[in-house]
Amino acid sequence: MTELYILDVPENTAVAKVAAEDPAVTVGQVGPYFVISADGPIVIDRRATGCRHAVWYSCVAGVARSGRITQHDKDALRVEPA
């Protein structure tokens, strides 16, 4: 399982919301974090979130050991199973 952690603050809510639109992705909460998880890759389109670059590049709080970030640029954030 691939897991991505995003701090639950107003600036990052759009990231979790866009991730939740993918039927293969589950968005939950653990403490002050959104936990975005999927059996396969997680792909979030930056433009769909409406996030500015500073928020986009600082939104990731962590990735579980079972995953790795393979793309985090101006277009998308992609986390794949390790």
Protein backbone atom coordinates (compact mmCIF):
# COMPACT_ATOMS: atom_id res chain seq x y z
CA MET A 1 0.00 0.00 0.00
CA THR A 2 1.22 3.47 -0.90
CA GLU A 3 0.70 6.18 1.75
CA LEU A 4 1.29 9.90 1.52
CA TYR A 5 0.98 12.23 4.51
CA ILE A 6 -0.09 15.86 4.11
CA LEU A 7 -0.46 18.28 7.04
CA ASP A 8 -4.13 19.14 7.58
CA VAL A 9 -4.04 22.92 7.22
CA PRO A 10 -6.33 25.07 5.05
CA GLU A 11 -3.65 25.55 2.38
CA ASN A 12 -3.40 21.77 1.80
CA THR A 13 -7.10 20.87 1.81
CA ALA A 14 -7.32 21.11 -1.98
CA VAL A 15 -4.54 18.52 -2.35
CA ALA A 16 -6.51 15.98 -0.29
CA LYS A 17 -9.75 16.88 -2.08
CA VAL A 18 -8.26 16.31 -5.55
CA ALA A 19 -6.64 13.05 -4.39
CA ALA A 20 -10.03 11.83 -3.11
CA GLU A 21 -11.56 12.27 -6.58
CA ASP A 22 -9.63 9.19 -7.73
CA PRO A 23 -11.76 6.12 -6.92
CA ALA A 24 -8.60 4.05 -6.27
CA VAL A 25 -7.46 6.47 -3.53
CA THR A 26 -8.62 6.71 0.07
CA VAL A 27 -8.19 9.87 2.12
CA GLY A 28 -8.33 9.60 5.90
CA GLN A 29 -6.85 11.32 8.93
CA VAL A 30 -4.26 10.42 11.52
CA GLY A 31 -3.71 13.14 14.08
CA PRO A 32 -3.04 16.42 12.28
CA TYR A 33 -2.37 14.73 8.91
CA PHE A 34 -4.36 13.68 5.88
CA VAL A 35 -3.36 10.13 4.96
CA ILE A 36 -3.73 9.55 1.23
CA SER A 37 -3.45 5.86 0.41
CA ALA A 38 -3.87 3.49 -2.52
CA ASP A 39 -2.88 -0.01 -3.54
CA GLY A 40 -1.10 1.41 -6.59
CA PRO A 41 0.34 4.80 -7.45
CA ILE A 42 -1.08 8.08 -6.17
CA VAL A 43 -1.09 10.88 -8.73
CA ILE A 44 -2.27 14.41 -7.91
CA ASP A 45 -2.42 17.09 -10.61
CA ARG A 46 -1.16 20.45 -9.28
CA ARG A 47 -3.34 22.57 -11.56
CA ALA A 48 -6.46 20.73 -10.39
CA THR A 49 -5.62 21.67 -6.79
CA GLY A 50 -5.25 25.36 -7.56
CA CYS A 51 -2.19 25.44 -5.28
CA ARG A 52 0.50 27.99 -5.90
CA HIS A 53 4.02 26.68 -6.22
CA ALA A 54 5.14 27.52 -2.66
CA VAL A 55 2.23 25.59 -1.14
CA TRP A 56 2.56 22.75 -3.64
CA TYR A 57 6.24 22.12 -2.96
CA SER A 58 5.78 22.25 0.83
CA CYS A 59 2.62 20.12 1.14
CA VAL A 60 4.29 16.71 1.62
CA ALA A 61 4.80 15.80 5.26
CA GLY A 62 5.94 12.24 4.62
CA VAL A 63 5.70 9.02 2.65
CA ALA A 64 5.37 5.56 4.21
CA ARG A 65 8.29 3.18 3.71
CA SER A 66 6.16 1.24 1.24
CA GLY A 67 6.20 4.14 -1.25
CA ARG A 68 8.48 6.65 -2.90
CA ILE A 69 7.98 9.97 -4.64
CA THR A 70 8.79 9.57 -8.33
CA GLN A 71 7.51 12.97 -9.47
CA HIS A 72 7.03 16.25 -7.62
CA ASP A 73 7.19 19.09 -10.09
CA LYS A 74 5.03 21.92 -11.38
CA ASP A 75 2.68 19.43 -13.03
CA ALA A 76 2.04 16.61 -10.58
CA LEU A 77 2.89 14.74 -7.41
CA ARG A 78 3.31 10.99 -8.01
CA VAL A 79 3.97 8.43 -5.29
CA GLU A 80 4.53 4.83 -6.33
CA PRO A 81 4.85 1.60 -4.39
CA ALA A 82 8.47 0.91 -3.50
